């Protein structure tokens, strides 16, 4: 069973994603920000990280860069709703440039997220994907 780590500073979003993804049959863990996620004791067992980009302490862009340096094999889906100063599209492009396998703008629909998880995990299992 694939292990997915959700990184989001919004407790309600984190819980909703956790329940949705767990019901789809995945093992799920959570972290409140990038710094917490990098200290996650089972990070080497994670197959996929779903991370928000705008978070306190360590934003998603910095987290993706550090994650991909330390664990290049972990797949990443970046999600963002932006804020009134930052458009989500610009943040998502940077995340993709830093190694995010997929990017999704918030609000994310259930079917869209589950399809992104499925295809990202499949791509990660395919050599030269």
C-alpha atoms as a PDB file:
ATOM      1  CA  UNK A   1       0.000   0.000   0.000  1.00  0.00           C
ATOM      2  CA  UNK A   2       1.556   3.340  -1.045  1.00  0.00           C
ATOM      3  CA  UNK A   3       2.410   5.748   1.767  1.00  0.00           C
ATOM      4  CA  UNK A   4       1.353   9.378   1.209  1.00  0.00           C
ATOM      5  CA  UNK A   5       2.454  12.351   3.317  1.00  0.00           C
ATOM      6  CA  UNK A   6       0.168  15.410   3.307  1.00  0.00           C
ATOM      7  CA  UNK A   7       1.864  18.712   4.177  1.00  0.00           C
ATOM      8  CA  UNK A   8      -0.508  21.632   4.788  1.00  0.00           C
ATOM      9  CA  UNK A   9      -0.692  24.269   7.506  1.00  0.00           C
ATOM     10  CA  UNK A  10      -4.501  24.373   7.409  1.00  0.00           C
ATOM     11  CA  UNK A  11      -5.716  21.756   9.891  1.00  0.00           C
ATOM     12  CA  UNK A  12      -9.139  21.423   8.223  1.00  0.00           C
ATOM     13  CA  UNK A  13      -7.643  20.929   4.745  1.00  0.00           C
ATOM     14  CA  UNK A  14      -5.123  18.427   6.126  1.00  0.00           C
ATOM     15  CA  UNK A  15      -7.879  16.409   7.840  1.00  0.00           C
ATOM     16  CA  UNK A  16     -10.148  16.478   4.785  1.00  0.00           C
ATOM     17  CA  UNK A  17      -7.336  15.307   2.494  1.00  0.00           C
ATOM     18  CA  UNK A  18      -6.288  12.654   5.025  1.00  0.00           C
ATOM     19  CA  UNK A  19      -9.785  11.171   5.199  1.00  0.00           C
ATOM     20  CA  UNK A  20     -10.333  11.330   1.439  1.00  0.00           C
ATOM     21  CA  UNK A  21      -7.029   9.681   0.557  1.00  0.00           C
ATOM     22  CA  UNK A  22      -7.217   7.073   3.324  1.00  0.00           C
ATOM     23  CA  UNK A  23     -10.718   6.057   2.142  1.00  0.00           C
ATOM     24  CA  UNK A  24      -9.235   5.542  -1.322  1.00  0.00           C
ATOM     25  CA  UNK A  25      -6.983   2.854   0.164  1.00  0.00           C
ATOM     26  CA  UNK A  26      -3.683   4.607   0.834  1.00  0.00           C
ATOM     27  CA  UNK A  27      -1.592   4.812   3.998  1.00  0.00           C
ATOM     28  CA  UNK A  28      -1.602   8.484   5.024  1.00  0.00           C
ATOM     29  CA  UNK A  29       0.520  10.619   7.342  1.00  0.00           C
ATOM     30  CA  UNK A  30       0.400  14.386   7.854  1.00  0.00           C
ATOM     31  CA  UNK A  31       2.626  17.334   8.714  1.00  0.00           C
ATOM     32  CA  UNK A  32       1.759  20.984   9.366  1.00  0.00           C
ATOM     33  CA  UNK A  33       4.622  22.536   7.382  1.00  0.00           C
ATOM     34  CA  UNK A  34       7.750  21.705   5.406  1.00  0.00           C
ATOM     35  CA  UNK A  35      10.107  21.803   8.378  1.00  0.00           C
ATOM     36  CA  UNK A  36       7.930  19.318  10.279  1.00  0.00           C
ATOM     37  CA  UNK A  37       7.694  17.107   7.196  1.00  0.00           C
ATOM     38  CA  UNK A  38      11.481  16.972   6.764  1.00  0.00           C
ATOM     39  CA  UNK A  39      11.728  15.708  10.362  1.00  0.00           C
ATOM     40  CA  UNK A  40       9.066  13.051   9.761  1.00  0.00           C
ATOM     41  CA  UNK A  41      10.638   9.825  11.103  1.00  0.00           C
ATOM     42  CA  UNK A  42       9.304   7.641   8.283  1.00  0.00           C
ATOM     43  CA  UNK A  43      10.129  10.011   5.418  1.00  0.00           C
ATOM     44  CA  UNK A  44      12.230   7.359   3.714  1.00  0.00           C
ATOM     45  CA  UNK A  45       9.115   5.131   3.503  1.00  0.00           C
ATOM     46  CA  UNK A  46       6.961   7.786   1.817  1.00  0.00           C
ATOM     47  CA  UNK A  47       6.048   7.185  -1.830  1.00  0.00           C
ATOM     48  CA  UNK A  48       4.283  10.482  -2.490  1.00  0.00           C
ATOM     49  CA  UNK A  49       4.100  13.906  -0.834  1.00  0.00           C
ATOM     50  CA  UNK A  50       1.169  16.242  -1.370  1.00  0.00           C
ATOM     51  CA  UNK A  51       2.242  19.698  -0.263  1.00  0.00           C
ATOM     52  CA  UNK A  52       0.688  23.097  -0.040  1.00  0.00           C
ATOM     53  CA  UNK A  53       3.003  25.890  -1.190  1.00  0.00           C
ATOM     54  CA  UNK A  54       2.123  28.805   1.086  1.00  0.00           C
ATOM     55  CA  UNK A  55       2.848  27.796   4.688  1.00  0.00           C
ATOM     56  CA  UNK A  56       4.560  29.298   7.751  1.00  0.00           C
ATOM     57  CA  UNK A  57       8.045  28.260   8.940  1.00  0.00           C
ATOM     58  CA  UNK A  58       9.007  26.601   5.653  1.00  0.00           C
ATOM     59  CA  UNK A  59       7.028  27.246   2.502  1.00  0.00           C
ATOM     60  CA  UNK A  60       6.335  24.491   0.027  1.00  0.00           C
ATOM     61  CA  UNK A  61       8.837  25.744  -2.562  1.00  0.00           C
ATOM     62  CA  UNK A  62      11.722  25.499  -0.084  1.00  0.00           C
ATOM     63  CA  UNK A  63      10.374  22.175   1.198  1.00  0.00           C
ATOM     64  CA  UNK A  64      10.244  20.664  -2.312  1.00  0.00           C
ATOM     65  CA  UNK A  65      13.801  21.799  -3.012  1.00  0.00           C
ATOM     66  CA  UNK A  66      15.130  20.236   0.204  1.00  0.00           C
ATOM     67  CA  UNK A  67      12.989  17.100  -0.141  1.00  0.00           C
ATOM     68  CA  UNK A  68      14.134  16.444  -3.716  1.00  0.00           C
ATOM     69  CA  UNK A  69      17.773  16.956  -2.684  1.00  0.00           C
ATOM     70  CA  UNK A  70      17.542  14.475   0.187  1.00  0.00           C
ATOM     71  CA  UNK A  71      14.994  12.048  -1.311  1.00  0.00           C
ATOM     72  CA  UNK A  72      14.953  12.401  -5.105  1.00  0.00           C
ATOM     73  CA  UNK A  73      12.776   9.303  -5.537  1.00  0.00           C
ATOM     74  CA  UNK A  74       9.785  10.657  -3.618  1.00  0.00           C
ATOM     75  CA  UNK A  75       7.051  11.867  -5.960  1.00  0.00           C
ATOM     76  CA  UNK A  76       5.454  15.265  -5.237  1.00  0.00           C
ATOM     77  CA  UNK A  77       2.089  16.816  -5.965  1.00  0.00           C
ATOM     78  CA  UNK A  78       2.085  20.555  -5.208  1.00  0.00           C
ATOM     79  CA  UNK A  79      -1.197  22.300  -4.445  1.00  0.00           C
ATOM     80  CA  UNK A  80      -1.852  25.992  -3.964  1.00  0.00           C
ATOM     81  CA  UNK A  81      -4.646  28.492  -3.827  1.00  0.00           C
ATOM     82  CA  UNK A  82      -2.228  31.386  -3.784  1.00  0.00           C
ATOM     83  CA  UNK A  83      -3.122  34.476  -1.815  1.00  0.00           C
ATOM     84  CA  UNK A  84      -3.940  38.069  -2.603  1.00  0.00           C
ATOM     85  CA  UNK A  85      -0.280  38.787  -3.423  1.00  0.00           C
ATOM     86  CA  UNK A  86       0.731  35.567  -5.185  1.00  0.00           C
ATOM     87  CA  UNK A  87      -1.103  33.860  -8.032  1.00  0.00           C
ATOM     88  CA  UNK A  88      -1.242  30.080  -7.629  1.00  0.00           C
ATOM     89  CA  UNK A  89      -0.123  29.556 -11.231  1.00  0.00           C
ATOM     90  CA  UNK A  90       3.241  31.233 -10.657  1.00  0.00           C
ATOM     91  CA  UNK A  91       3.892  29.270  -7.462  1.00  0.00           C
ATOM     92  CA  UNK A  92       2.846  26.013  -9.140  1.00  0.00           C
ATOM     93  CA  UNK A  93       5.202  26.646 -12.089  1.00  0.00           C
ATOM     94  CA  UNK A  94       8.111  27.143  -9.696  1.00  0.00           C
ATOM     95  CA  UNK A  95       7.166  23.949  -7.847  1.00  0.00           C
ATOM     96  CA  UNK A  96       7.143  22.008 -11.098  1.00  0.00           C
ATOM     97  CA  UNK A  97      10.529  23.451 -12.042  1.00  0.00           C
ATOM     98  CA  UNK A  98      11.897  22.251  -8.679  1.00  0.00           C
ATOM     99  CA  UNK A  99      10.683  18.701  -9.234  1.00  0.00           C
ATOM    100  CA  UNK A 100       6.981  18.479  -8.426  1.00  0.00           C
ATOM    101  CA  UNK A 101       5.528  15.707 -10.561  1.00  0.00           C
ATOM    102  CA  UNK A 102       2.068  17.289 -10.699  1.00  0.00           C
ATOM    103  CA  UNK A 103       0.529  20.595  -9.666  1.00  0.00           C
ATOM    104  CA  UNK A 104      -3.068  21.368  -8.773  1.00  0.00           C
ATOM    105  CA  UNK A 105      -4.780  24.652  -7.966  1.00  0.00           C
ATOM    106  CA  UNK A 106      -6.990  24.804  -4.871  1.00  0.00           C
ATOM    107  CA  UNK A 107      -9.742  24.091  -4.356  1.00  0.00           C
ATOM    108  CA  UNK A 108      -8.931  20.573  -5.497  1.00  0.00           C
ATOM    109  CA  UNK A 109     -11.793  18.295  -6.454  1.00  0.00           C
ATOM    110  CA  UNK A 110     -11.793  14.754  -5.070  1.00  0.00           C
ATOM    111  CA  UNK A 111     -11.748  12.986  -8.456  1.00  0.00           C
ATOM    112  CA  UNK A 112      -9.015  15.287  -9.761  1.00  0.00           C
ATOM    113  CA  UNK A 113      -6.795  14.654  -6.737  1.00  0.00           C
ATOM    114  CA  UNK A 114      -7.304  10.891  -6.701  1.00  0.00           C
ATOM    115  CA  UNK A 115      -6.506  10.708 -10.428  1.00  0.00           C
ATOM    116  CA  UNK A 116      -3.370  12.797  -9.881  1.00  0.00           C
ATOM    117  CA  UNK A 117      -2.293  10.472  -7.059  1.00  0.00           C
ATOM    118  CA  UNK A 118      -2.923   7.367  -9.150  1.00  0.00           C
ATOM    119  CA  UNK A 119      -1.088   8.662 -12.223  1.00  0.00           C
ATOM    120  CA  UNK A 120       1.812  10.126 -10.226  1.00  0.00           C
ATOM    121  CA  UNK A 121       2.374   6.840  -8.393  1.00  0.00           C
ATOM    122  CA  UNK A 122       2.138   4.927 -11.693  1.00  0.00           C
ATOM    123  CA  UNK A 123       4.656   7.265 -13.327  1.00  0.00           C
ATOM    124  CA  UNK A 124       6.996   6.870 -10.354  1.00  0.00           C
ATOM    125  CA  UNK A 125       6.944   3.104 -10.846  1.00  0.00           C
ATOM    126  CA  UNK A 126       7.736   3.384 -14.567  1.00  0.00           C
ATOM    127  CA  UNK A 127      11.461   3.641 -15.397  1.00  0.00           C
ATOM    128  CA  UNK A 128      12.388   6.853 -17.231  1.00  0.00           C
ATOM    129  CA  UNK A 129       8.987   8.386 -16.475  1.00  0.00           C
END
